[in-house]
Amino acid sequence: MIKQGDTLPAMKLMSATPDGPREISTEDVFRGKRVVMFAVPGAFTPTCSARHLPGFNENLDSLRARGIDTVACMAVNDAFVLGAWAKSQEISPSILMIADGSAVFTKALGLELDLVSRGMGVRSQRFALVADDMKVTHLAVEQPGDFDVSRAEAVLAAL
């Protein structure tokens, strides 16, 4: 599993934009920037929709005031699903919605969650990280079923 001090891997991802899916790289997202990225097990799931994504949306200005250039939400869903989820949640277009549809990036981080037996496939664990120019400076991974260390308020407290 990736840890504090590690460099994020360089790879391609997809982003949900108002104009549809757009290919981006981890270098586009993280190189030369201070970024908060939080990951959810899935778009439209209960805790993710009711608390996780809205919390970062509500705290966007506070995160920026603490020197964060980009706030990104990642899920193992396709970019169309993430776009629809952001729209349904009225999420600021300033939050970058990252689609890791095949869990390639999630697996590279060592943060996959096997939910095959529950009919959900391979997903991401719930986590939040802070990266400064591709280097992880903070990583908070939730225990299964928990929602504490990766919420926006916990990330703000760690900054």
N, C-alpha and C. Protein backbone atom coordinates (compact mmCIF):
# COMPACT_ATOMS: atom_id res chain seq x y z
N MET A 1 0.84 -1.18 0.00
CA MET A 1 0.00 0.00 0.00
C MET A 1 0.89 1.25 0.00
N ILE A 2 0.47 2.23 -0.76
CA ILE A 2 1.20 3.49 -0.78
C ILE A 2 1.22 4.08 0.63
N LYS A 3 2.25 4.85 0.93
CA LYS A 3 2.36 5.43 2.26
C LYS A 3 2.92 6.84 2.17
N GLN A 4 2.88 7.53 3.28
CA GLN A 4 3.41 8.88 3.35
C GLN A 4 4.87 8.87 2.90
N GLY A 5 5.23 9.83 2.03
CA GLY A 5 6.58 9.93 1.50
C GLY A 5 6.74 9.29 0.14
N ASP A 6 5.80 8.41 -0.25
CA ASP A 6 5.86 7.77 -1.57
C ASP A 6 5.44 8.74 -2.67
N THR A 7 5.91 8.47 -3.87
CA THR A 7 5.52 9.23 -5.05
C THR A 7 4.36 8.51 -5.74
N LEU A 8 3.35 9.27 -6.12
CA LEU A 8 2.22 8.69 -6.83
C LEU A 8 2.66 8.20 -8.20
N PRO A 9 2.11 7.08 -8.66
CA PRO A 9 2.50 6.56 -9.97
C PRO A 9 1.98 7.43 -11.11
N ALA A 10 2.76 7.50 -12.18
CA ALA A 10 2.34 8.22 -13.38
C ALA A 10 1.49 7.28 -14.22
N MET A 11 0.24 7.66 -14.47
CA MET A 11 -0.65 6.85 -15.28
C MET A 11 -1.82 7.68 -15.78
N LYS A 12 -2.56 7.12 -16.71
CA LYS A 12 -3.72 7.79 -17.30
C LYS A 12 -4.99 7.45 -16.54
N LEU A 13 -5.86 8.45 -16.44
CA LEU A 13 -7.16 8.30 -15.82
C LEU A 13 -8.18 9.02 -16.70
N MET A 14 -9.42 9.01 -16.28
CA MET A 14 -10.46 9.77 -16.96
C MET A 14 -11.07 10.74 -15.96
N SER A 15 -11.46 11.89 -16.47
CA SER A 15 -12.11 12.89 -15.65
C SER A 15 -13.50 13.16 -16.19
N ALA A 16 -14.45 13.32 -15.29
CA ALA A 16 -15.80 13.70 -15.68
C ALA A 16 -15.83 15.22 -15.75
N THR A 17 -16.15 15.76 -16.91
CA THR A 17 -16.24 17.21 -17.09
C THR A 17 -17.63 17.56 -17.60
N PRO A 18 -18.01 18.83 -17.52
CA PRO A 18 -19.32 19.23 -18.07
C PRO A 18 -19.45 18.91 -19.56
N ASP A 19 -18.32 18.78 -20.25
CA ASP A 19 -18.33 18.47 -21.69
C ASP A 19 -18.16 16.98 -21.96
N GLY A 20 -18.22 16.16 -20.92
CA GLY A 20 -18.06 14.72 -21.08
C GLY A 20 -16.71 14.24 -20.57
N PRO A 21 -16.42 12.95 -20.73
CA PRO A 21 -15.16 12.38 -20.25
C PRO A 21 -13.94 12.98 -20.95
N ARG A 22 -12.88 13.16 -20.17
CA ARG A 22 -11.63 13.68 -20.72
C ARG A 22 -10.48 12.89 -20.10
N GLU A 23 -9.55 12.45 -20.94
CA GLU A 23 -8.37 11.74 -20.42
C GLU A 23 -7.45 12.74 -19.74
N ILE A 24 -6.98 12.34 -18.56
CA ILE A 24 -5.99 13.12 -17.82
C ILE A 24 -4.96 12.15 -17.28
N SER A 25 -3.85 12.69 -16.85
CA SER A 25 -2.84 11.83 -16.23
C SER A 25 -2.68 12.23 -14.77
N THR A 26 -2.11 11.36 -14.01
CA THR A 26 -1.83 11.71 -12.62
C THR A 26 -0.89 12.90 -12.56
N GLU A 27 -0.02 13.01 -13.54
CA GLU A 27 0.88 14.17 -13.57
C GLU A 27 0.10 15.46 -13.82
N ASP A 28 -0.95 15.41 -14.67
CA ASP A 28 -1.80 16.59 -14.87
C ASP A 28 -2.43 17.02 -13.55
N VAL A 29 -2.83 16.06 -12.76
CA VAL A 29 -3.54 16.34 -11.52
C VAL A 29 -2.59 16.78 -10.41
N PHE A 30 -1.46 16.10 -10.26
CA PHE A 30 -0.63 16.26 -9.08
C PHE A 30 0.69 17.02 -9.26
N ARG A 31 1.26 17.02 -10.45
CA ARG A 31 2.59 17.63 -10.66
C ARG A 31 2.56 19.13 -10.38
N GLY A 32 3.43 19.57 -9.46
CA GLY A 32 3.56 20.99 -9.15
C GLY A 32 2.41 21.58 -8.36
N LYS A 33 1.57 20.72 -7.79
CA LYS A 33 0.39 21.20 -7.05
C LYS A 33 0.30 20.51 -5.70
N ARG A 34 -0.46 21.15 -4.83
CA ARG A 34 -0.82 20.53 -3.55
C ARG A 34 -2.28 20.11 -3.69
N VAL A 35 -2.52 18.81 -3.59
CA VAL A 35 -3.81 18.22 -3.93
C VAL A 35 -4.36 17.39 -2.78
N VAL A 36 -5.66 17.53 -2.54
CA VAL A 36 -6.38 16.59 -1.69
C VAL A 36 -7.18 15.71 -2.63
N MET A 37 -6.97 14.40 -2.52
CA MET A 37 -7.78 13.46 -3.27
C MET A 37 -8.44 12.52 -2.26
N PHE A 38 -9.73 12.41 -2.37
CA PHE A 38 -10.44 11.44 -1.53
C PHE A 38 -11.10 10.43 -2.45
N ALA A 39 -11.17 9.21 -1.97
CA ALA A 39 -11.73 8.13 -2.78
C ALA A 39 -12.91 7.52 -2.04
N VAL A 40 -13.89 7.16 -2.85
CA VAL A 40 -15.11 6.56 -2.32
C VAL A 40 -15.30 5.18 -2.93
N PRO A 41 -15.96 4.27 -2.23
CA PRO A 41 -16.22 2.95 -2.80
C PRO A 41 -17.09 2.99 -4.06
N GLY A 42 -17.96 3.99 -4.18
CA GLY A 42 -18.77 4.07 -5.38
C GLY A 42 -19.68 5.28 -5.40
N ALA A 43 -19.84 5.85 -6.58
CA ALA A 43 -20.79 6.94 -6.77
C ALA A 43 -22.19 6.45 -6.44
N PHE A 44 -23.00 7.33 -5.94
CA PHE A 44 -24.40 7.08 -5.61
C PHE A 44 -24.60 6.12 -4.43
N THR A 45 -23.54 5.73 -3.75
CA THR A 45 -23.70 4.87 -2.58
C THR A 45 -24.04 5.75 -1.37
N PRO A 46 -24.67 5.19 -0.32
CA PRO A 46 -25.25 6.02 0.75
C PRO A 46 -24.28 6.98 1.45
N THR A 47 -23.22 6.48 2.07
CA THR A 47 -22.32 7.37 2.80
C THR A 47 -21.59 8.32 1.86
N CYS A 48 -21.23 7.83 0.71
CA CYS A 48 -20.52 8.65 -0.28
C CYS A 48 -21.38 9.84 -0.71
N SER A 49 -22.66 9.59 -0.95
CA SER A 49 -23.57 10.63 -1.43
C SER A 49 -24.08 11.54 -0.32
N ALA A 50 -24.30 10.99 0.86
CA ALA A 50 -24.88 11.79 1.94
C ALA A 50 -23.84 12.57 2.72
N ARG A 51 -22.58 12.06 2.77
CA ARG A 51 -21.61 12.69 3.67
C ARG A 51 -20.24 12.97 3.05
N HIS A 52 -19.68 12.00 2.32
CA HIS A 52 -18.29 12.16 1.90
C HIS A 52 -18.13 13.26 0.85
N LEU A 53 -18.75 13.10 -0.30
CA LEU A 53 -18.65 14.11 -1.36
C LEU A 53 -19.21 15.46 -0.92
N PRO A 54 -20.39 15.52 -0.29
CA PRO A 54 -20.89 16.83 0.15
C PRO A 54 -19.96 17.53 1.15
N GLY A 55 -19.30 16.77 2.00
CA GLY A 55 -18.38 17.38 2.98
C GLY A 55 -17.24 18.11 2.30
N PHE A 56 -16.67 17.53 1.26
CA PHE A 56 -15.59 18.22 0.55
C PHE A 56 -16.13 19.40 -0.25
N ASN A 57 -17.32 19.27 -0.79
CA ASN A 57 -17.94 20.38 -1.50
C ASN A 57 -18.15 21.56 -0.56
N GLU A 58 -18.65 21.30 0.64
CA GLU A 58 -18.90 22.35 1.63
C GLU A 58 -17.61 22.97 2.17
N ASN A 59 -16.53 22.24 2.18
CA ASN A 59 -15.26 22.72 2.76
C ASN A 59 -14.24 23.14 1.71
N LEU A 60 -14.67 23.29 0.47
CA LEU A 60 -13.76 23.62 -0.62
C LEU A 60 -12.98 24.91 -0.34
N ASP A 61 -13.66 25.95 0.09
CA ASP A 61 -12.98 27.22 0.36
C ASP A 61 -11.99 27.11 1.51
N SER A 62 -12.35 26.36 2.54
CA SER A 62 -11.44 26.17 3.68
C SER A 62 -10.19 25.41 3.27
N LEU A 63 -10.36 24.41 2.40
CA LEU A 63 -9.20 23.66 1.91
C LEU A 63 -8.29 24.57 1.08
N ARG A 64 -8.87 25.37 0.23
CA ARG A 64 -8.06 26.31 -0.57
C ARG A 64 -7.33 27.31 0.32
N ALA A 65 -7.99 27.76 1.38
CA ALA A 65 -7.37 28.71 2.30
C ALA A 65 -6.16 28.10 3.00
N ARG A 66 -6.10 26.77 3.04
CA ARG A 66 -4.96 26.08 3.67
C ARG A 66 -3.92 25.65 2.64
N GLY A 67 -4.00 26.22 1.43
CA GLY A 67 -2.97 25.97 0.44
C GLY A 67 -3.22 24.82 -0.51
N ILE A 68 -4.43 24.32 -0.56
CA ILE A 68 -4.75 23.23 -1.49
C ILE A 68 -5.13 23.82 -2.84
N ASP A 69 -4.45 23.36 -3.89
CA ASP A 69 -4.71 23.84 -5.25
C ASP A 69 -5.88 23.12 -5.90
N THR A 70 -5.97 21.81 -5.64
CA THR A 70 -6.98 20.97 -6.29
C THR A 70 -7.59 20.02 -5.27
N VAL A 71 -8.92 19.87 -5.35
CA VAL A 71 -9.62 18.84 -4.60
C VAL A 71 -10.18 17.88 -5.63
N ALA A 72 -9.87 16.60 -5.46
CA ALA A 72 -10.29 15.58 -6.41
C ALA A 72 -11.02 14.46 -5.69
N CYS A 73 -12.08 13.99 -6.32
CA CYS A 73 -12.84 12.84 -5.84
C CYS A 73 -12.60 11.70 -6.82
N MET A 74 -12.22 10.53 -6.32
CA MET A 74 -11.97 9.39 -7.19
C MET A 74 -12.88 8.22 -6.81
N ALA A 75 -13.36 7.54 -7.83
CA ALA A 75 -14.16 6.33 -7.62
C ALA A 75 -13.89 5.34 -8.74
N VAL A 76 -14.06 4.07 -8.43
CA VAL A 76 -13.96 3.03 -9.45
C VAL A 76 -15.33 2.93 -10.13
N ASN A 77 -15.58 3.93 -10.92
CA ASN A 77 -16.78 4.04 -11.76
C ASN A 77 -16.31 4.68 -13.05
N ASP A 78 -17.16 4.68 -14.08
CA ASP A 78 -16.77 5.35 -15.31
C ASP A 78 -17.07 6.85 -15.21
N ALA A 79 -16.50 7.61 -16.12
CA ALA A 79 -16.61 9.07 -16.07
C ALA A 79 -18.05 9.54 -16.26
N PHE A 80 -18.86 8.79 -17.01
CA PHE A 80 -20.26 9.17 -17.19
C PHE A 80 -21.02 9.09 -15.86
N VAL A 81 -20.76 8.03 -15.09
CA VAL A 81 -21.40 7.87 -13.79
C VAL A 81 -20.95 8.99 -12.85
N LEU A 82 -19.66 9.27 -12.82
CA LEU A 82 -19.17 10.33 -11.94
C LEU A 82 -19.74 11.69 -12.33
N GLY A 83 -19.88 11.93 -13.64
CA GLY A 83 -20.47 13.18 -14.10
C GLY A 83 -21.92 13.31 -13.66
N ALA A 84 -22.68 12.23 -13.78
CA ALA A 84 -24.08 12.24 -13.36
C ALA A 84 -24.19 12.41 -11.85
N TRP A 85 -23.29 11.78 -11.11
CA TRP A 85 -23.30 11.89 -9.66
C TRP A 85 -23.01 13.32 -9.23
N ALA A 86 -21.98 13.94 -9.80
CA ALA A 86 -21.64 15.32 -9.47
C ALA A 86 -22.82 16.25 -9.77
N LYS A 87 -23.44 16.04 -10.91
CA LYS A 87 -24.59 16.87 -11.29
C LYS A 87 -25.75 16.68 -10.30
N SER A 88 -26.04 15.44 -9.95
CA SER A 88 -27.16 15.17 -9.04
C SER A 88 -26.90 15.71 -7.64
N GLN A 89 -25.63 15.82 -7.26
CA GLN A 89 -25.26 16.31 -5.94
C GLN A 89 -24.98 17.82 -5.94
N GLU A 90 -25.08 18.45 -7.12
CA GLU A 90 -24.80 19.88 -7.27
C GLU A 90 -23.41 20.23 -6.74
N ILE A 91 -22.44 19.46 -7.20
CA ILE A 91 -21.05 19.61 -6.77
C ILE A 91 -20.38 20.71 -7.58
N SER A 92 -19.57 21.49 -6.91
CA SER A 92 -18.83 22.56 -7.57
C SER A 92 -18.02 21.99 -8.73
N PRO A 93 -18.04 22.68 -9.87
CA PRO A 93 -17.18 22.22 -10.97
C PRO A 93 -15.70 22.32 -10.64
N SER A 94 -15.37 22.96 -9.53
CA SER A 94 -13.97 23.05 -9.09
C SER A 94 -13.46 21.75 -8.50
N ILE A 95 -14.36 20.83 -8.12
CA ILE A 95 -13.91 19.53 -7.64
C ILE A 95 -13.71 18.63 -8.84
N LEU A 96 -12.50 18.12 -8.97
CA LEU A 96 -12.14 17.25 -10.07
C LEU A 96 -12.67 15.85 -9.79
N MET A 97 -13.50 15.34 -10.69
CA MET A 97 -14.09 14.01 -10.54
C MET A 97 -13.26 13.03 -11.37
N ILE A 98 -12.52 12.15 -10.69
CA ILE A 98 -11.61 11.22 -11.34
C ILE A 98 -12.23 9.83 -11.40
N ALA A 99 -12.33 9.31 -12.61
CA ALA A 99 -12.87 7.98 -12.84
C ALA A 99 -11.73 6.99 -13.05
N ASP A 100 -11.69 5.99 -12.19
CA ASP A 100 -10.72 4.90 -12.30
C ASP A 100 -11.50 3.64 -12.61
N GLY A 101 -12.15 3.64 -13.77
CA GLY A 101 -13.14 2.64 -14.14
C GLY A 101 -12.71 1.20 -14.00
N SER A 102 -11.46 0.89 -14.23
CA SER A 102 -10.99 -0.49 -14.12
C SER A 102 -10.13 -0.72 -12.88
N ALA A 103 -10.11 0.26 -11.99
CA ALA A 103 -9.36 0.19 -10.72
C ALA A 103 -7.86 0.05 -10.91
N VAL A 104 -7.34 0.48 -12.04
CA VAL A 104 -5.91 0.36 -12.30
C VAL A 104 -5.10 1.25 -11.35
N PHE A 105 -5.52 2.50 -11.20
CA PHE A 105 -4.83 3.42 -10.30
C PHE A 105 -5.02 2.97 -8.85
N THR A 106 -6.23 2.59 -8.51
CA THR A 106 -6.53 2.13 -7.15
C THR A 106 -5.65 0.94 -6.79
N LYS A 107 -5.50 -0.01 -7.71
CA LYS A 107 -4.63 -1.17 -7.45
C LYS A 107 -3.17 -0.75 -7.36
N ALA A 108 -2.75 0.22 -8.18
CA ALA A 108 -1.36 0.69 -8.12
C ALA A 108 -1.07 1.32 -6.75
N LEU A 109 -2.09 1.90 -6.13
CA LEU A 109 -1.93 2.47 -4.80
C LEU A 109 -2.02 1.40 -3.71
N GLY A 110 -2.50 0.20 -4.07
CA GLY A 110 -2.69 -0.87 -3.09
C GLY A 110 -3.89 -0.63 -2.20
N LEU A 111 -4.88 0.10 -2.72
CA LEU A 111 -6.03 0.48 -1.91
C LEU A 111 -7.35 -0.06 -2.46
N GLU A 112 -7.26 -1.20 -3.18
CA GLU A 112 -8.48 -1.79 -3.72
C GLU A 112 -9.27 -2.51 -2.62
N LEU A 113 -10.55 -2.66 -2.88
CA LEU A 113 -11.47 -3.32 -1.96
C LEU A 113 -12.27 -4.32 -2.77
N ASP A 114 -12.13 -5.60 -2.44
CA ASP A 114 -12.80 -6.65 -3.19
C ASP A 114 -14.22 -6.83 -2.67
N LEU A 115 -15.18 -6.36 -3.48
CA LEU A 115 -16.59 -6.51 -3.14
C LEU A 115 -17.30 -7.42 -4.13
N VAL A 116 -16.54 -8.32 -4.76
CA VAL A 116 -17.09 -9.23 -5.75
C VAL A 116 -18.20 -10.08 -5.14
N SER A 117 -18.01 -10.58 -3.94
CA SER A 117 -19.01 -11.44 -3.32
C SER A 117 -20.31 -10.69 -3.03
N ARG A 118 -20.25 -9.36 -3.01
CA ARG A 118 -21.45 -8.54 -2.78
C ARG A 118 -22.02 -7.99 -4.09
N GLY A 119 -21.47 -8.46 -5.22
CA GLY A 119 -21.97 -8.05 -6.52
C GLY A 119 -21.54 -6.68 -6.97
N MET A 120 -20.49 -6.13 -6.35
CA MET A 120 -20.05 -4.78 -6.67
C MET A 120 -18.67 -4.73 -7.33
N GLY A 121 -18.05 -5.88 -7.54
CA GLY A 121 -16.75 -5.91 -8.18
C GLY A 121 -15.64 -5.42 -7.28
N VAL A 122 -14.56 -4.97 -7.90
CA VAL A 122 -13.42 -4.40 -7.18
C VAL A 122 -13.64 -2.90 -7.11
N ARG A 123 -13.56 -2.35 -5.94
CA ARG A 123 -13.75 -0.93 -5.70
C ARG A 123 -12.54 -0.35 -5.00
N SER A 124 -12.63 0.90 -4.62
CA SER A 124 -11.59 1.54 -3.84
C SER A 124 -11.99 1.52 -2.37
N GLN A 125 -11.00 1.36 -1.52
CA GLN A 125 -11.24 1.61 -0.11
C GLN A 125 -11.58 3.09 0.05
N ARG A 126 -12.25 3.44 1.11
CA ARG A 126 -12.52 4.85 1.40
C ARG A 126 -11.24 5.43 2.02
N PHE A 127 -10.72 6.47 1.39
CA PHE A 127 -9.50 7.09 1.90
C PHE A 127 -9.40 8.54 1.45
N ALA A 128 -8.47 9.25 2.06
CA ALA A 128 -8.12 10.60 1.62
C ALA A 128 -6.62 10.72 1.69
N LEU A 129 -6.06 11.42 0.72
CA LEU A 129 -4.63 11.69 0.77
C LEU A 129 -4.37 13.14 0.39
N VAL A 130 -3.24 13.63 0.87
CA VAL A 130 -2.74 14.93 0.46
C VAL A 130 -1.42 14.66 -0.23
N ALA A 131 -1.24 15.27 -1.40
CA ALA A 131 0.01 15.11 -2.14
C ALA A 131 0.55 16.49 -2.48
N ASP A 132 1.83 16.62 -2.38
CA ASP A 132 2.53 17.85 -2.75
C ASP A 132 3.51 17.48 -3.86
N ASP A 133 3.22 17.95 -5.07
CA ASP A 133 4.05 17.66 -6.24
C ASP A 133 4.32 16.16 -6.39
N MET A 134 3.23 15.39 -6.39
CA MET A 134 3.25 13.93 -6.60
C MET A 134 3.65 13.12 -5.37
N LYS A 135 4.13 13.75 -4.31
CA LYS A 135 4.54 13.02 -3.10
C LYS A 135 3.42 13.04 -2.07
N VAL A 136 3.12 11.88 -1.52
CA VAL A 136 2.08 11.75 -0.51
C VAL A 136 2.61 12.32 0.81
N THR A 137 1.89 13.33 1.33
CA THR A 137 2.28 13.93 2.61
C THR A 137 1.33 13.54 3.74
N HIS A 138 0.17 13.01 3.37
CA HIS A 138 -0.81 12.55 4.36
C HIS A 138 -1.66 11.47 3.71
N LEU A 139 -1.91 10.41 4.44
CA LEU A 139 -2.78 9.34 3.95
C LEU A 139 -3.64 8.84 5.10
N ALA A 140 -4.94 8.82 4.87
CA ALA A 140 -5.88 8.36 5.89
C ALA A 140 -6.82 7.35 5.24
N VAL A 141 -6.70 6.10 5.64
CA VAL A 141 -7.50 5.00 5.08
C VAL A 141 -8.48 4.54 6.14
N GLU A 142 -9.74 4.47 5.75
CA GLU A 142 -10.79 4.05 6.68
C GLU A 142 -10.76 2.54 6.90
N GLN A 143 -11.13 2.12 8.09
CA GLN A 143 -11.41 0.73 8.35
C GLN A 143 -12.74 0.42 7.66
N PRO A 144 -12.97 -0.82 7.23
CA PRO A 144 -14.23 -1.14 6.55
C PRO A 144 -15.45 -0.69 7.35
N GLY A 145 -16.34 0.02 6.66
CA GLY A 145 -17.57 0.50 7.28
C GLY A 145 -17.45 1.81 8.03
N ASP A 146 -16.22 2.31 8.25
CA ASP A 146 -16.04 3.55 8.99
C ASP A 146 -16.07 4.77 8.08
N PHE A 147 -16.36 5.91 8.68
CA PHE A 147 -16.28 7.19 7.99
C PHE A 147 -15.83 8.21 9.02
N ASP A 148 -14.51 8.34 9.17
CA ASP A 148 -13.96 9.24 10.17
C ASP A 148 -12.71 9.94 9.66
N VAL A 149 -11.66 9.19 9.35
CA VAL A 149 -10.36 9.79 9.04
C VAL A 149 -10.27 10.37 7.63
N SER A 150 -11.19 10.01 6.74
CA SER A 150 -11.11 10.51 5.37
C SER A 150 -12.13 11.62 5.08
N ARG A 151 -12.88 12.02 6.07
CA ARG A 151 -13.86 13.08 5.86
C ARG A 151 -13.15 14.43 5.74
N ALA A 152 -13.82 15.40 5.13
CA ALA A 152 -13.20 16.69 4.87
C ALA A 152 -12.69 17.36 6.13
N GLU A 153 -13.44 17.28 7.21
CA GLU A 153 -13.03 17.94 8.44
C GLU A 153 -11.76 17.31 9.02
N ALA A 154 -11.59 16.01 8.87
CA ALA A 154 -10.38 15.35 9.34
C ALA A 154 -9.18 15.75 8.49
N VAL A 155 -9.38 15.88 7.19
CA VAL A 155 -8.30 16.33 6.31
C VAL A 155 -7.91 17.76 6.65
N LEU A 156 -8.89 18.62 6.86
CA LEU A 156 -8.59 20.01 7.26
C LEU A 156 -7.77 20.03 8.54
N ALA A 157 -8.12 19.20 9.50
CA ALA A 157 -7.39 19.16 10.78
C ALA A 157 -5.96 18.68 10.58
N ALA A 158 -5.72 17.87 9.55
CA ALA A 158 -4.37 17.33 9.31
C ALA A 158 -3.49 18.31 8.52
N LEU A 159 -4.09 19.31 7.92
CA LEU A 159 -3.31 20.26 7.10
C LEU A 159 -2.56 21.26 7.96
